[in-house]
Amino acid sequence: MAHERTLILCKSDAVVRGLVGEIIARFERRGFTITGLKMLKVSRELAKRHYAEHEGKPFFDGLVQYITSTPIVAMVVEGEDAVEACRTMIGATNPIQAAPGSIRGDYGQTIGRNLVHGSDSPASGEREVNLWFKPEELFARDHDQKEWLVSA
């Protein structure tokens, strides 16, 4: 197991539909620590940097428009194998293919309105956390129940 950080974004549809609290609660109940959390209106510049790998693709402009259309909630989630575990909790990109019990499987509607972003690798997690959060916005701490969450 590796202690990791991942960026989780509750995207526009999650905010508008009132699902942010439910999404945060799922990560906390799973035993992860939230070490950064903020609501913000995303600038086009930040959106373009976040989605840089998709620039030039037909859906790029739609991604940028979607994430800048309303405020979103960004958070940093930390814990053992956080990247893979959080992506499993989020579910497949297409909510129709997402497993029941996953966030997208339970609440997602379409591939273009899939509620949540999660970093796809530990390296992406670090890059994305640094893109979205300043060091002074992060509050590293041990989970209060660490001894019950991580085996020796």
N, C-alpha and C. Protein backbone atom coordinates (compact mmCIF):
# COMPACT_ATOMS: atom_id res chain seq x y z
N MET A 1 0.84 -1.19 0.00
CA MET A 1 0.00 0.00 0.00
C MET A 1 0.88 1.24 0.00
N ALA A 2 0.37 2.28 -0.64
CA ALA A 2 1.09 3.54 -0.70
C ALA A 2 0.16 4.67 -0.26
N HIS A 3 0.67 5.54 0.57
CA HIS A 3 -0.10 6.72 0.98
C HIS A 3 -0.09 7.69 -0.19
N GLU A 4 -1.28 8.07 -0.67
CA GLU A 4 -1.40 8.90 -1.86
C GLU A 4 -2.37 10.05 -1.62
N ARG A 5 -2.22 11.06 -2.51
CA ARG A 5 -3.17 12.17 -2.57
C ARG A 5 -3.81 12.14 -3.95
N THR A 6 -5.09 12.46 -3.99
CA THR A 6 -5.79 12.55 -5.25
C THR A 6 -6.69 13.77 -5.25
N LEU A 7 -6.87 14.35 -6.42
CA LEU A 7 -7.80 15.46 -6.56
C LEU A 7 -9.17 14.90 -6.92
N ILE A 8 -10.17 15.34 -6.19
CA ILE A 8 -11.55 15.01 -6.49
C ILE A 8 -12.28 16.32 -6.77
N LEU A 9 -12.96 16.38 -7.89
CA LEU A 9 -13.78 17.54 -8.22
C LEU A 9 -15.24 17.11 -8.25
N CYS A 10 -16.06 17.80 -7.48
CA CYS A 10 -17.51 17.66 -7.60
C CYS A 10 -17.89 18.68 -8.65
N LYS A 11 -18.18 18.18 -9.84
CA LYS A 11 -18.39 19.05 -11.00
C LYS A 11 -19.75 19.75 -10.94
N SER A 12 -19.98 20.56 -11.96
CA SER A 12 -21.16 21.43 -12.00
C SER A 12 -22.46 20.70 -11.69
N ASP A 13 -22.69 19.55 -12.30
CA ASP A 13 -23.96 18.86 -12.07
C ASP A 13 -24.09 18.35 -10.65
N ALA A 14 -22.99 17.97 -10.00
CA ALA A 14 -23.03 17.53 -8.61
C ALA A 14 -23.44 18.69 -7.70
N VAL A 15 -22.91 19.88 -7.98
CA VAL A 15 -23.24 21.06 -7.18
C VAL A 15 -24.70 21.45 -7.39
N VAL A 16 -25.12 21.57 -8.65
CA VAL A 16 -26.48 22.00 -8.97
C VAL A 16 -27.51 21.01 -8.42
N ARG A 17 -27.20 19.73 -8.45
CA ARG A 17 -28.15 18.70 -7.99
C ARG A 17 -28.09 18.47 -6.48
N GLY A 18 -27.23 19.19 -5.76
CA GLY A 18 -27.18 19.07 -4.31
C GLY A 18 -26.56 17.76 -3.82
N LEU A 19 -25.57 17.24 -4.56
CA LEU A 19 -24.97 15.95 -4.21
C LEU A 19 -23.59 16.06 -3.56
N VAL A 20 -23.10 17.27 -3.35
CA VAL A 20 -21.74 17.44 -2.82
C VAL A 20 -21.58 16.79 -1.45
N GLY A 21 -22.52 17.02 -0.55
CA GLY A 21 -22.43 16.43 0.79
C GLY A 21 -22.38 14.91 0.74
N GLU A 22 -23.21 14.32 -0.09
CA GLU A 22 -23.23 12.86 -0.25
C GLU A 22 -21.90 12.35 -0.79
N ILE A 23 -21.34 13.06 -1.75
CA ILE A 23 -20.06 12.65 -2.34
C ILE A 23 -18.94 12.73 -1.31
N ILE A 24 -18.86 13.84 -0.59
CA ILE A 24 -17.83 13.98 0.44
C ILE A 24 -17.99 12.89 1.49
N ALA A 25 -19.22 12.65 1.92
CA ALA A 25 -19.48 11.65 2.96
C ALA A 25 -19.00 10.26 2.54
N ARG A 26 -19.14 9.93 1.27
CA ARG A 26 -18.70 8.61 0.81
C ARG A 26 -17.20 8.42 1.00
N PHE A 27 -16.42 9.46 0.68
CA PHE A 27 -14.97 9.35 0.85
C PHE A 27 -14.60 9.30 2.33
N GLU A 28 -15.26 10.07 3.14
CA GLU A 28 -14.97 10.04 4.58
C GLU A 28 -15.37 8.71 5.20
N ARG A 29 -16.54 8.20 4.83
CA ARG A 29 -16.98 6.91 5.39
C ARG A 29 -16.06 5.77 4.97
N ARG A 30 -15.43 5.90 3.82
CA ARG A 30 -14.50 4.88 3.35
C ARG A 30 -13.20 4.90 4.15
N GLY A 31 -12.97 5.97 4.88
CA GLY A 31 -11.78 6.06 5.72
C GLY A 31 -10.71 6.98 5.19
N PHE A 32 -11.01 7.76 4.15
CA PHE A 32 -10.04 8.71 3.63
C PHE A 32 -10.10 10.02 4.39
N THR A 33 -9.02 10.76 4.33
CA THR A 33 -8.93 12.06 4.99
C THR A 33 -9.05 13.16 3.94
N ILE A 34 -9.89 14.13 4.21
CA ILE A 34 -10.00 15.31 3.35
C ILE A 34 -8.99 16.32 3.88
N THR A 35 -7.98 16.65 3.08
CA THR A 35 -6.94 17.58 3.54
C THR A 35 -7.01 18.94 2.83
N GLY A 36 -7.91 19.09 1.90
CA GLY A 36 -8.16 20.37 1.24
C GLY A 36 -9.56 20.35 0.68
N LEU A 37 -10.26 21.49 0.81
CA LEU A 37 -11.65 21.55 0.36
C LEU A 37 -12.01 23.00 0.08
N LYS A 38 -12.56 23.25 -1.11
CA LYS A 38 -13.02 24.61 -1.42
C LYS A 38 -14.03 24.59 -2.55
N MET A 39 -14.90 25.62 -2.52
CA MET A 39 -15.84 25.85 -3.61
C MET A 39 -15.27 27.02 -4.41
N LEU A 40 -15.31 26.89 -5.73
CA LEU A 40 -14.78 27.96 -6.56
C LEU A 40 -15.46 27.99 -7.92
N LYS A 41 -15.39 29.15 -8.52
CA LYS A 41 -15.80 29.32 -9.92
C LYS A 41 -14.53 29.16 -10.74
N VAL A 42 -14.48 28.17 -11.59
CA VAL A 42 -13.28 27.82 -12.33
C VAL A 42 -13.08 28.77 -13.51
N SER A 43 -11.88 29.32 -13.62
CA SER A 43 -11.55 30.18 -14.77
C SER A 43 -11.32 29.31 -16.00
N ARG A 44 -11.48 29.91 -17.17
CA ARG A 44 -11.19 29.19 -18.42
C ARG A 44 -9.73 28.75 -18.45
N GLU A 45 -8.84 29.58 -17.93
CA GLU A 45 -7.41 29.26 -17.94
C GLU A 45 -7.13 28.01 -17.11
N LEU A 46 -7.71 27.93 -15.90
CA LEU A 46 -7.51 26.75 -15.06
C LEU A 46 -8.14 25.52 -15.71
N ALA A 47 -9.32 25.68 -16.26
CA ALA A 47 -9.98 24.55 -16.93
C ALA A 47 -9.13 24.03 -18.08
N LYS A 48 -8.58 24.93 -18.87
CA LYS A 48 -7.74 24.51 -20.00
C LYS A 48 -6.47 23.82 -19.52
N ARG A 49 -5.87 24.29 -18.44
CA ARG A 49 -4.67 23.61 -17.90
C ARG A 49 -5.03 22.24 -17.35
N HIS A 50 -6.18 22.15 -16.68
CA HIS A 50 -6.60 20.87 -16.11
C HIS A 50 -6.86 19.84 -17.21
N TYR A 51 -7.50 20.26 -18.28
CA TYR A 51 -7.85 19.35 -19.38
C TYR A 51 -6.87 19.41 -20.54
N ALA A 52 -5.65 19.88 -20.32
CA ALA A 52 -4.65 20.09 -21.37
C ALA A 52 -4.45 18.85 -22.24
N GLU A 53 -4.49 17.66 -21.66
CA GLU A 53 -4.27 16.43 -22.43
C GLU A 53 -5.35 16.20 -23.48
N HIS A 54 -6.48 16.87 -23.35
CA HIS A 54 -7.58 16.70 -24.30
C HIS A 54 -7.67 17.83 -25.32
N GLU A 55 -6.78 18.82 -25.21
CA GLU A 55 -6.83 19.95 -26.14
C GLU A 55 -6.70 19.44 -27.58
N GLY A 56 -7.54 20.00 -28.46
CA GLY A 56 -7.54 19.58 -29.85
C GLY A 56 -8.54 18.48 -30.16
N LYS A 57 -9.08 17.84 -29.13
CA LYS A 57 -10.09 16.80 -29.34
C LYS A 57 -11.46 17.46 -29.48
N PRO A 58 -12.38 16.79 -30.16
CA PRO A 58 -13.69 17.41 -30.43
C PRO A 58 -14.46 17.80 -29.18
N PHE A 59 -14.24 17.13 -28.06
CA PHE A 59 -15.02 17.39 -26.85
C PHE A 59 -14.36 18.38 -25.89
N PHE A 60 -13.16 18.89 -26.25
CA PHE A 60 -12.40 19.76 -25.36
C PHE A 60 -13.19 21.01 -24.97
N ASP A 61 -13.73 21.72 -25.93
CA ASP A 61 -14.47 22.95 -25.63
C ASP A 61 -15.66 22.68 -24.72
N GLY A 62 -16.32 21.55 -24.93
CA GLY A 62 -17.45 21.18 -24.07
C GLY A 62 -17.03 20.93 -22.63
N LEU A 63 -15.86 20.28 -22.45
CA LEU A 63 -15.33 20.06 -21.10
C LEU A 63 -15.08 21.38 -20.39
N VAL A 64 -14.43 22.29 -21.10
CA VAL A 64 -14.11 23.59 -20.51
C VAL A 64 -15.40 24.34 -20.18
N GLN A 65 -16.36 24.35 -21.09
CA GLN A 65 -17.62 25.05 -20.84
C GLN A 65 -18.35 24.46 -19.64
N TYR A 66 -18.38 23.16 -19.55
CA TYR A 66 -19.08 22.45 -18.48
C TYR A 66 -18.50 22.79 -17.11
N ILE A 67 -17.19 22.72 -16.96
CA ILE A 67 -16.59 22.92 -15.64
C ILE A 67 -16.53 24.38 -15.23
N THR A 68 -16.72 25.30 -16.20
CA THR A 68 -16.73 26.73 -15.87
C THR A 68 -18.14 27.29 -15.76
N SER A 69 -19.16 26.47 -15.97
CA SER A 69 -20.54 26.95 -16.05
C SER A 69 -21.15 27.31 -14.70
N THR A 70 -20.72 26.67 -13.63
CA THR A 70 -21.22 26.95 -12.28
C THR A 70 -20.06 26.74 -11.32
N PRO A 71 -20.22 27.14 -10.06
CA PRO A 71 -19.18 26.80 -9.09
C PRO A 71 -19.06 25.28 -8.95
N ILE A 72 -17.87 24.84 -8.61
CA ILE A 72 -17.61 23.42 -8.33
C ILE A 72 -16.98 23.32 -6.95
N VAL A 73 -16.85 22.11 -6.45
CA VAL A 73 -16.15 21.87 -5.19
C VAL A 73 -14.95 21.00 -5.49
N ALA A 74 -13.77 21.49 -5.07
CA ALA A 74 -12.51 20.75 -5.26
C ALA A 74 -12.05 20.27 -3.90
N MET A 75 -11.52 19.04 -3.87
CA MET A 75 -10.99 18.53 -2.61
C MET A 75 -9.79 17.63 -2.86
N VAL A 76 -8.96 17.57 -1.85
CA VAL A 76 -7.82 16.67 -1.85
C VAL A 76 -8.15 15.56 -0.87
N VAL A 77 -8.08 14.34 -1.35
CA VAL A 77 -8.38 13.16 -0.55
C VAL A 77 -7.08 12.39 -0.38
N GLU A 78 -6.78 12.01 0.85
CA GLU A 78 -5.55 11.29 1.14
C GLU A 78 -5.85 9.97 1.83
N GLY A 79 -4.96 9.01 1.58
CA GLY A 79 -5.05 7.72 2.26
C GLY A 79 -4.28 6.67 1.50
N GLU A 80 -4.36 5.46 2.00
CA GLU A 80 -3.66 4.34 1.38
C GLU A 80 -4.32 4.00 0.05
N ASP A 81 -3.50 3.96 -1.01
CA ASP A 81 -3.96 3.65 -2.36
C ASP A 81 -5.18 4.50 -2.75
N ALA A 82 -5.12 5.78 -2.39
CA ALA A 82 -6.27 6.68 -2.58
C ALA A 82 -6.68 6.82 -4.04
N VAL A 83 -5.72 6.86 -4.96
CA VAL A 83 -6.07 7.09 -6.37
C VAL A 83 -6.96 5.96 -6.90
N GLU A 84 -6.50 4.75 -6.80
CA GLU A 84 -7.27 3.62 -7.32
C GLU A 84 -8.58 3.43 -6.57
N ALA A 85 -8.53 3.53 -5.25
CA ALA A 85 -9.74 3.33 -4.45
C ALA A 85 -10.79 4.40 -4.77
N CYS A 86 -10.37 5.64 -4.89
CA CYS A 86 -11.33 6.71 -5.18
C CYS A 86 -11.92 6.56 -6.58
N ARG A 87 -11.09 6.16 -7.54
CA ARG A 87 -11.61 5.96 -8.90
C ARG A 87 -12.63 4.81 -8.92
N THR A 88 -12.40 3.78 -8.14
CA THR A 88 -13.37 2.70 -8.04
C THR A 88 -14.66 3.20 -7.42
N MET A 89 -14.54 4.02 -6.39
CA MET A 89 -15.73 4.58 -5.74
C MET A 89 -16.50 5.49 -6.69
N ILE A 90 -15.79 6.21 -7.55
CA ILE A 90 -16.42 7.12 -8.51
C ILE A 90 -17.16 6.33 -9.59
N GLY A 91 -16.54 5.28 -10.12
CA GLY A 91 -17.17 4.46 -11.16
C GLY A 91 -16.73 4.86 -12.56
N ALA A 92 -17.15 4.07 -13.52
CA ALA A 92 -16.78 4.27 -14.93
C ALA A 92 -17.23 5.65 -15.42
N THR A 93 -16.47 6.20 -16.37
CA THR A 93 -16.76 7.53 -16.93
C THR A 93 -18.19 7.61 -17.44
N ASN A 94 -18.65 6.57 -18.10
CA ASN A 94 -20.02 6.53 -18.60
C ASN A 94 -20.90 5.96 -17.48
N PRO A 95 -21.79 6.76 -16.90
CA PRO A 95 -22.61 6.29 -15.78
C PRO A 95 -23.44 5.04 -16.10
N ILE A 96 -23.78 4.83 -17.35
CA ILE A 96 -24.54 3.64 -17.72
C ILE A 96 -23.71 2.38 -17.48
N GLN A 97 -22.39 2.50 -17.60
CA GLN A 97 -21.50 1.37 -17.38
C GLN A 97 -20.93 1.31 -15.96
N ALA A 98 -21.22 2.33 -15.15
CA ALA A 98 -20.68 2.38 -13.79
C ALA A 98 -21.41 1.38 -12.90
N ALA A 99 -20.65 0.76 -12.03
CA ALA A 99 -21.21 -0.25 -11.13
C ALA A 99 -22.20 0.38 -10.14
N PRO A 100 -23.30 -0.33 -9.87
CA PRO A 100 -24.19 0.12 -8.81
C PRO A 100 -23.38 0.25 -7.51
N GLY A 101 -23.67 1.27 -6.74
CA GLY A 101 -22.91 1.52 -5.52
C GLY A 101 -21.81 2.54 -5.72
N SER A 102 -21.37 2.74 -6.97
CA SER A 102 -20.40 3.80 -7.24
C SER A 102 -21.16 5.12 -7.34
N ILE A 103 -20.43 6.23 -7.21
CA ILE A 103 -21.08 7.55 -7.28
C ILE A 103 -21.77 7.73 -8.62
N ARG A 104 -21.07 7.44 -9.70
CA ARG A 104 -21.67 7.60 -11.03
C ARG A 104 -22.76 6.56 -11.28
N GLY A 105 -22.57 5.36 -10.77
CA GLY A 105 -23.58 4.31 -10.93
C GLY A 105 -24.88 4.65 -10.21
N ASP A 106 -24.77 5.32 -9.07
CA ASP A 106 -25.96 5.68 -8.30
C ASP A 106 -26.60 6.99 -8.75
N TYR A 107 -25.77 7.96 -9.20
CA TYR A 107 -26.30 9.30 -9.45
C TYR A 107 -26.03 9.85 -10.85
N GLY A 108 -25.13 9.25 -11.60
CA GLY A 108 -24.78 9.79 -12.91
C GLY A 108 -25.89 9.64 -13.92
N GLN A 109 -25.90 10.55 -14.89
CA GLN A 109 -26.94 10.52 -15.91
C GLN A 109 -26.39 10.23 -17.30
N THR A 110 -25.37 10.97 -17.70
CA THR A 110 -24.79 10.76 -19.02
C THR A 110 -23.27 10.92 -18.92
N ILE A 111 -22.57 10.50 -19.96
CA ILE A 111 -21.12 10.62 -19.98
C ILE A 111 -20.68 12.10 -19.89
N GLY A 112 -21.50 13.00 -20.40
CA GLY A 112 -21.19 14.42 -20.35
C GLY A 112 -21.58 15.10 -19.06
N ARG A 113 -22.31 14.39 -18.22
CA ARG A 113 -22.73 14.90 -16.91
C ARG A 113 -22.50 13.79 -15.89
N ASN A 114 -21.23 13.58 -15.57
CA ASN A 114 -20.89 12.41 -14.74
C ASN A 114 -20.41 12.77 -13.34
N LEU A 115 -20.72 13.98 -12.87
CA LEU A 115 -20.64 14.40 -11.48
C LEU A 115 -19.25 14.65 -10.89
N VAL A 116 -18.30 13.76 -11.13
CA VAL A 116 -17.06 13.77 -10.36
C VAL A 116 -15.84 13.53 -11.24
N HIS A 117 -14.75 14.20 -10.89
CA HIS A 117 -13.44 13.91 -11.47
C HIS A 117 -12.57 13.34 -10.38
N GLY A 118 -11.76 12.35 -10.71
CA GLY A 118 -10.73 11.83 -9.81
C GLY A 118 -9.45 11.61 -10.59
N SER A 119 -8.33 11.95 -9.99
CA SER A 119 -7.02 11.77 -10.66
C SER A 119 -6.86 10.33 -11.11
N ASP A 120 -6.19 10.13 -12.27
CA ASP A 120 -6.08 8.78 -12.83
C ASP A 120 -4.78 8.06 -12.48
N SER A 121 -3.88 8.71 -11.78
CA SER A 121 -2.63 8.07 -11.35
C SER A 121 -2.05 8.88 -10.20
N PRO A 122 -1.15 8.30 -9.43
CA PRO A 122 -0.50 9.08 -8.36
C PRO A 122 0.22 10.32 -8.91
N ALA A 123 0.87 10.19 -10.07
CA ALA A 123 1.56 11.35 -10.66
C ALA A 123 0.55 12.43 -11.05
N SER A 124 -0.57 12.04 -11.66
CA SER A 124 -1.62 13.00 -12.00
C SER A 124 -2.20 13.63 -10.74
N GLY A 125 -2.35 12.83 -9.72
CA GLY A 125 -2.87 13.34 -8.44
C GLY A 125 -2.00 14.47 -7.91
N GLU A 126 -0.70 14.27 -7.90
CA GLU A 126 0.20 15.31 -7.41
C GLU A 126 0.15 16.54 -8.31
N ARG A 127 0.17 16.34 -9.64
CA ARG A 127 0.10 17.47 -10.57
C ARG A 127 -1.19 18.24 -10.38
N GLU A 128 -2.31 17.53 -10.30
CA GLU A 128 -3.61 18.18 -10.19
C GLU A 128 -3.79 18.87 -8.85
N VAL A 129 -3.35 18.26 -7.78
CA VAL A 129 -3.43 18.90 -6.46
C VAL A 129 -2.68 20.23 -6.49
N ASN A 130 -1.47 20.22 -7.07
CA ASN A 130 -0.67 21.44 -7.15
C ASN A 130 -1.27 22.48 -8.08
N LEU A 131 -2.05 22.05 -9.06
CA LEU A 131 -2.72 22.96 -9.98
C LEU A 131 -3.90 23.66 -9.31
N TRP A 132 -4.63 22.94 -8.49
CA TRP A 132 -5.87 23.44 -7.90
C TRP A 132 -5.72 24.03 -6.50
N PHE A 133 -4.66 23.64 -5.78
CA PHE A 133 -4.50 24.09 -4.40
C PHE A 133 -3.13 24.69 -4.16
N LYS A 134 -3.09 25.78 -3.39
CA LYS A 134 -1.83 26.35 -2.91
C LYS A 134 -1.43 25.55 -1.67
N PRO A 135 -0.13 25.46 -1.37
CA PRO A 135 0.30 24.70 -0.18
C PRO A 135 -0.42 25.12 1.11
N GLU A 136 -0.67 26.41 1.27
CA GLU A 136 -1.32 26.88 2.50
C GLU A 136 -2.81 26.52 2.57
N GLU A 137 -3.36 25.97 1.50
CA GLU A 137 -4.76 25.53 1.51
C GLU A 137 -4.91 24.05 1.88
N LEU A 138 -3.79 23.39 2.13
CA LEU A 138 -3.81 21.96 2.48
C LEU A 138 -3.47 21.79 3.95
N PHE A 139 -4.17 20.88 4.59
CA PHE A 139 -4.02 20.66 6.02
C PHE A 139 -3.76 19.18 6.29
N ALA A 140 -2.50 18.79 6.20
CA ALA A 140 -2.13 17.39 6.41
C ALA A 140 -2.44 17.00 7.85
N ARG A 141 -3.02 15.83 8.00
CA ARG A 141 -3.33 15.32 9.34
C ARG A 141 -3.54 13.82 9.26
N ASP A 142 -3.29 13.18 10.37
CA ASP A 142 -3.59 11.76 10.45
C ASP A 142 -5.08 11.58 10.67
N HIS A 143 -5.60 10.52 10.12
CA HIS A 143 -7.01 10.17 10.35
C HIS A 143 -7.16 9.76 11.80
N ASP A 144 -8.22 10.23 12.44
CA ASP A 144 -8.45 9.92 13.85
C ASP A 144 -8.55 8.42 14.13
N GLN A 145 -8.94 7.66 13.14
CA GLN A 145 -9.13 6.22 13.32
C GLN A 145 -8.08 5.41 12.56
N LYS A 146 -6.91 6.01 12.36
CA LYS A 146 -5.86 5.39 11.54
C LYS A 146 -5.56 3.95 11.96
N GLU A 147 -5.47 3.69 13.22
CA GLU A 147 -5.13 2.34 13.67
C GLU A 147 -6.18 1.30 13.26
N TRP A 148 -7.38 1.73 12.95
CA TRP A 148 -8.43 0.82 12.55
C TRP A 148 -8.58 0.73 11.03
N LEU A 149 -7.89 1.62 10.32
CA LEU A 149 -8.03 1.68 8.87
C LEU A 149 -6.87 1.05 8.12
N VAL A 150 -5.68 1.03 8.71
CA VAL A 150 -4.48 0.56 8.03
C VAL A 150 -3.90 -0.58 8.85
N SER A 151 -3.72 -1.73 8.21
CA SER A 151 -3.13 -2.86 8.93
C SER A 151 -1.61 -2.78 8.87
N ALA A 152 -0.99 -3.34 9.84
CA ALA A 152 0.48 -3.30 9.92
C ALA A 152 1.11 -4.25 8.93
